[in-house]
Protein backbone atom coordinates (compact mmCIF):
# COMPACT_ATOMS: atom_id res chain seq x y z
CA MET A 1 -2.83 -45.67 -25.45
CA ASP A 2 -0.21 -46.11 -28.18
CA ARG A 3 2.82 -43.84 -27.52
CA THR A 4 2.84 -42.49 -31.08
CA ARG A 5 -0.78 -41.42 -30.70
CA LEU A 6 0.02 -39.93 -27.29
CA VAL A 7 2.84 -37.83 -28.75
CA PHE A 8 0.53 -36.68 -31.53
CA ILE A 9 -2.18 -35.65 -29.04
CA ASN A 10 0.40 -33.80 -26.94
CA THR A 11 1.65 -31.98 -30.02
CA ILE A 12 -1.88 -30.89 -30.90
CA ALA A 13 -2.40 -29.74 -27.29
CA GLN A 14 0.79 -27.67 -27.38
CA VAL A 15 -0.02 -26.08 -30.73
CA GLY A 16 -3.59 -25.31 -29.67
CA GLY A 17 -2.40 -23.87 -26.35
CA GLN A 18 0.14 -21.69 -28.12
CA LEU A 19 -2.46 -20.32 -30.54
CA ILE A 20 -4.85 -19.45 -27.71
CA GLY A 21 -1.94 -17.99 -25.70
CA VAL A 22 -0.84 -15.81 -28.62
CA PHE A 23 -4.38 -14.47 -29.05
CA LEU A 24 -4.73 -13.67 -25.33
CA SER A 25 -1.28 -12.03 -25.27
CA LEU A 26 -2.01 -9.82 -28.27
CA VAL A 27 -5.30 -8.66 -26.72
CA THR A 28 -3.50 -7.99 -23.42
CA PHE A 29 -0.69 -5.98 -25.03
CA SER A 30 -3.20 -3.99 -27.06
CA LEU A 31 -5.23 -3.09 -23.94
CA VAL A 32 -2.11 -2.25 -21.91
CA ALA A 33 -0.67 -0.01 -24.64
CA ARG A 34 -3.95 1.85 -25.25
CA HIS A 35 -4.67 2.27 -21.54
CA LEU A 36 -1.22 3.31 -20.34
CA GLY A 37 -0.13 5.46 -23.29
CA ARG A 38 3.27 5.33 -24.91
CA SER A 39 5.31 6.72 -22.00
CA VAL A 40 3.89 4.42 -19.31
CA TYR A 41 3.83 1.51 -21.73
CA GLY A 42 7.52 2.15 -22.26
CA GLU A 43 7.97 1.73 -18.50
CA TYR A 44 5.91 -1.48 -18.61
CA ALA A 45 8.14 -2.81 -21.41
CA ILE A 46 11.26 -2.04 -19.37
CA ILE A 47 9.85 -3.84 -16.32
CA THR A 48 8.89 -7.01 -18.20
CA ALA A 49 12.18 -7.06 -20.14
CA TYR A 50 14.25 -6.60 -16.98
CA LEU A 51 12.42 -9.32 -15.05
CA GLY A 52 12.48 -11.61 -18.08
CA ALA A 53 16.24 -11.30 -18.47
CA PHE A 54 16.90 -12.51 -14.94
CA ALA A 55 14.19 -15.17 -15.17
CA VAL A 56 16.04 -16.82 -18.05
CA ALA A 57 19.33 -16.57 -16.14
CA ALA A 58 17.70 -18.49 -13.27
CA ASP A 59 15.97 -20.94 -15.62
CA TRP A 60 19.27 -22.42 -16.87
CA SER A 61 17.37 -25.00 -18.99
CA LEU A 62 16.49 -26.94 -15.83
CA TYR A 63 13.09 -27.68 -17.38
CA LEU A 64 14.82 -30.18 -19.68
CA LEU A 65 16.61 -31.81 -16.75
CA VAL A 66 13.27 -32.28 -14.98
CA VAL A 67 11.86 -34.02 -18.06
CA LYS A 68 14.87 -36.35 -18.15
CA ALA A 69 15.07 -37.00 -14.38
CA VAL A 70 11.35 -37.63 -13.86
CA GLY A 71 11.09 -39.76 -16.98
CA ALA A 72 13.92 -41.99 -15.73
CA HIS A 73 11.96 -43.17 -12.65
CA ASN A 74 8.66 -44.96 -12.20
CA ASP A 75 8.68 -44.85 -8.40
CA LEU A 76 7.01 -41.68 -7.06
CA GLU A 77 9.49 -41.33 -4.19
CA GLU A 78 12.46 -41.49 -6.54
CA ARG A 79 10.80 -38.93 -8.77
CA SER A 80 10.23 -36.65 -5.78
CA LYS A 81 13.90 -36.93 -4.79
CA ALA A 82 15.10 -36.16 -8.33
CA PHE A 83 12.69 -33.23 -8.61
CA GLY A 84 13.77 -31.96 -5.17
CA LYS A 85 17.43 -31.86 -6.17
CA ILE A 86 16.71 -29.83 -9.29
CA THR A 87 14.40 -27.53 -7.31
CA ALA A 88 17.17 -26.96 -4.74
CA PHE A 89 19.55 -26.13 -7.60
CA ARG A 90 16.94 -23.69 -8.92
CA PHE A 91 16.94 -21.98 -5.51
CA LEU A 92 20.73 -21.70 -5.67
CA LEU A 93 20.38 -19.92 -9.02
CA ALA A 94 17.19 -17.92 -8.53
CA VAL A 95 18.05 -16.20 -5.24
CA PRO A 96 21.46 -14.83 -6.38
CA CYS A 97 19.99 -13.81 -9.75
CA LEU A 98 17.20 -11.97 -7.97
CA ILE A 99 19.59 -10.21 -5.59
CA ILE A 100 22.02 -9.24 -8.37
CA GLY A 101 19.15 -8.01 -10.53
CA LEU A 102 17.79 -5.79 -7.75
CA LEU A 103 21.27 -4.45 -6.91
CA LEU A 104 21.97 -3.57 -10.55
CA LEU A 105 18.84 -1.41 -10.60
CA ALA A 106 20.84 1.31 -8.84
CA PHE A 107 22.98 1.75 -11.98
CA PHE A 108 20.07 2.19 -14.41
CA PRO A 109 18.46 5.64 -14.88
CA TYR A 110 14.92 4.31 -14.54
CA SER A 111 12.19 6.19 -12.73
CA GLY A 112 11.22 5.39 -9.16
CA ILE A 113 7.96 3.70 -10.26
CA VAL A 114 9.85 1.43 -12.67
CA LYS A 115 12.35 0.37 -10.01
CA LEU A 116 9.59 -0.20 -7.46
CA SER A 117 7.55 -2.21 -9.96
CA ILE A 118 10.58 -4.39 -10.75
CA GLU A 119 11.17 -5.00 -7.05
CA ILE A 120 7.52 -5.98 -6.53
CA GLY A 121 7.36 -7.92 -9.78
CA SER A 122 10.29 -10.09 -8.71
CA LEU A 123 7.72 -12.14 -6.76
CA ALA A 124 6.10 -13.09 -10.07
CA PHE A 125 9.56 -13.98 -11.38
CA LEU A 126 10.09 -16.44 -8.50
CA ALA A 127 6.65 -18.04 -8.88
CA THR A 128 7.06 -18.44 -12.65
CA SER A 129 10.54 -19.93 -12.35
CA PHE A 130 9.24 -22.77 -10.16
CA SER A 131 6.12 -23.28 -12.28
CA GLN A 132 8.44 -24.07 -15.18
CA LEU A 133 9.92 -27.00 -13.25
CA ILE A 134 6.44 -28.40 -12.64
CA ASN A 135 5.75 -28.10 -16.36
CA GLY A 136 8.73 -30.39 -16.91
CA VAL A 137 6.93 -33.13 -14.96
CA PHE A 138 3.85 -32.81 -17.18
CA GLN A 139 6.06 -32.94 -20.26
CA ALA A 140 7.76 -36.13 -19.02
CA GLU A 141 4.33 -37.67 -18.42
CA LEU A 142 3.15 -36.65 -21.90
CA LYS A 143 0.49 -34.44 -20.33
CA SER A 144 1.15 -31.34 -22.40
CA TYR A 145 -2.49 -30.33 -22.19
CA LEU A 146 -1.81 -29.54 -18.52
CA ASN A 147 1.09 -27.26 -19.52
CA ALA A 148 -1.09 -25.58 -22.11
CA GLY A 149 -3.99 -25.25 -19.69
CA LEU A 150 -1.91 -23.60 -16.97
CA ASP A 151 -0.35 -21.22 -19.49
CA ILE A 152 -3.80 -20.23 -20.74
CA VAL A 153 -4.98 -19.68 -17.16
CA TYR A 154 -1.99 -17.38 -16.51
CA ARG A 155 -2.58 -15.34 -19.65
CA LEU A 156 -6.32 -15.18 -18.99
CA LEU A 157 -5.82 -13.96 -15.41
CA LEU A 158 -3.36 -11.36 -16.66
CA LEU A 159 -5.86 -10.22 -19.28
CA ILE A 160 -8.57 -9.93 -16.61
CA SER A 161 -6.30 -7.80 -14.40
CA VAL A 162 -5.53 -5.52 -17.35
CA ALA A 163 -9.23 -5.29 -18.22
CA LEU A 164 -10.00 -4.30 -14.61
CA ALA A 165 -7.25 -1.67 -14.74
CA VAL A 166 -8.80 -0.23 -17.90
CA MET A 167 -12.34 -0.37 -16.47
CA PHE A 168 -11.51 1.39 -13.19
CA GLY A 169 -8.68 3.60 -14.44
CA TYR A 170 -5.90 1.94 -12.44
CA GLY A 171 -2.28 2.41 -13.46
CA LEU A 172 0.90 0.42 -13.84
CA PRO A 173 1.25 -0.84 -10.20
CA PHE A 174 -2.17 -2.53 -10.42
CA ILE A 175 -1.13 -4.39 -13.57
CA ILE A 176 2.12 -5.53 -11.93
CA VAL A 177 0.19 -6.82 -8.90
CA GLY A 178 -2.12 -8.64 -11.33
CA MET A 179 0.96 -10.24 -12.88
CA ILE A 180 2.08 -11.46 -9.44
CA ILE A 181 -1.36 -12.85 -8.54
CA SER A 182 -1.59 -14.64 -11.90
CA ALA A 183 1.84 -16.26 -11.44
CA VAL A 184 1.13 -17.35 -7.84
CA VAL A 185 -2.29 -18.81 -8.73
CA VAL A 186 -0.75 -20.85 -11.55
CA LEU A 187 2.05 -22.06 -9.26
CA LEU A 188 -0.42 -23.20 -6.58
CA ALA A 189 -2.58 -24.91 -9.21
CA GLY A 190 0.49 -26.66 -10.61
CA LEU A 191 1.51 -27.88 -7.14
CA MET A 192 -1.90 -29.48 -6.68
CA ILE A 193 -2.17 -31.00 -10.15
CA VAL A 194 1.34 -32.49 -10.15
CA LYS A 195 0.82 -34.62 -7.01
CA PRO A 196 -0.30 -37.84 -8.79
CA TYR A 197 2.80 -37.73 -11.01
CA THR A 198 5.54 -36.36 -8.74
CA PRO A 199 4.60 -35.33 -5.19
CA ILE A 200 6.51 -32.23 -4.07
CA ARG A 201 8.09 -32.95 -0.67
CA LEU A 202 9.98 -30.21 1.19
CA ALA A 203 12.22 -32.84 2.81
CA TYR A 204 13.65 -33.72 -0.62
CA ILE A 205 14.46 -30.13 -1.64
CA ARG A 206 18.13 -30.39 -0.78
CA ILE A 207 21.31 -30.96 -2.73
CA SER A 208 24.92 -31.87 -1.96
CA LYS A 209 28.01 -30.19 -3.41
CA ALA A 210 28.67 -33.20 -5.64
CA GLU A 211 25.08 -33.15 -6.96
CA THR A 212 25.29 -29.40 -7.53
CA ARG A 213 28.46 -29.90 -9.55
CA GLU A 214 26.86 -32.71 -11.54
CA ILE A 215 23.76 -30.69 -12.45
CA PHE A 216 25.89 -27.68 -13.38
CA GLN A 217 28.14 -29.77 -15.63
CA THR A 218 25.07 -31.23 -17.33
CA SER A 219 23.26 -27.94 -17.87
CA TRP A 220 25.85 -25.16 -18.26
CA ALA A 221 25.97 -25.20 -22.08
CA LEU A 222 22.20 -25.00 -22.58
CA GLY A 223 21.94 -22.56 -19.67
CA LEU A 224 24.44 -20.09 -21.12
CA ASN A 225 22.90 -20.43 -24.58
CA GLY A 226 19.51 -19.52 -23.13
CA VAL A 227 20.91 -16.52 -21.25
CA PHE A 228 22.73 -15.02 -24.25
CA SER A 229 19.90 -15.74 -26.69
CA ASN A 230 17.41 -14.07 -24.35
CA LEU A 231 19.61 -11.02 -23.84
CA LEU A 232 19.68 -10.48 -27.60
CA TYR A 233 15.88 -10.07 -27.49
CA ARG A 234 15.76 -7.85 -24.40
CA ILE A 235 18.94 -5.77 -24.23
CA ASP A 236 17.58 -3.13 -26.62
CA VAL A 237 14.55 -2.30 -24.44
CA LEU A 238 16.79 -2.17 -21.36
CA ILE A 239 19.37 0.28 -22.73
CA LEU A 240 17.27 2.43 -25.11
CA PRO A 241 15.79 4.58 -22.28
CA ILE A 242 19.30 5.86 -21.64
CA PHE A 243 19.47 7.35 -25.15
CA ILE A 244 15.96 8.10 -26.44
CA GLY A 245 13.66 8.32 -23.41
CA VAL A 246 10.81 6.18 -22.16
CA SER A 247 8.16 7.62 -24.50
CA LEU A 248 9.99 6.48 -27.65
CA VAL A 249 10.73 3.12 -26.02
CA GLY A 250 6.97 2.65 -25.77
CA ILE A 251 6.57 3.22 -29.52
CA TYR A 252 9.45 0.86 -30.26
CA ALA A 253 8.57 -1.91 -27.78
CA LEU A 254 4.95 -2.62 -28.77
CA PRO A 255 5.47 -3.79 -32.38
CA GLU A 256 8.63 -5.60 -31.29
CA LYS A 257 6.66 -7.46 -28.59
CA ILE A 258 3.89 -8.35 -31.03
CA MET A 259 6.47 -9.81 -33.45
CA GLU A 260 8.12 -11.74 -30.61
CA VAL A 261 4.80 -13.27 -29.53
CA ILE A 262 3.80 -14.18 -33.10
CA SER A 263 7.20 -15.72 -33.88
């Protein structure tokens, strides 16, 4: 197929996936807010904002490096090696970010259920961070419909877990577990689908000091830009509970989240 046509089809797939994703997200947020009430929804907003802040810190724009590295090789083994190095670098970022994030919880005046939910939800953070790397392979292959499909599956599974919580009267922990299951299912699906394009081999998930330095030098500017830009969107929800209480955070966070999703 002509490359111009392929790019056009991928663009349509991304736009269509985003529209479906926005619709599913808005329905999910509406159900969560109505079911949990403003106080518990405020806690939910804190949990997702806290996990999201550290997810972006671990992301470090490595998605773009995967697109570049995979696109530079036609040989599957060379692709696997390049992907393995970036994955190893992701481990070097994700694990410290996760540990620091959990340690910093001690200094925030959040309730016990919020802190526990963040600790449990960190599993979803890990799964999502590695799914993003796999999405980079699909992008390099001009298979954006796979990215869009996996994103829709994640949002749909999350919506189902929220619907079950509403139906059976379950609370916040059930929704967080649903978030984890959704992220893990999408990661496992991505690992299976990506095999024909870039097989994931554990033996290649390693990196030398020189390679670590090279990847850092290539990605630090975009990485820091992503971290600071993301904090601008999340810092308010993280610090407002200190001043106005969780109940008012719930009122504040819902319209803000809707605007974020739409934009």
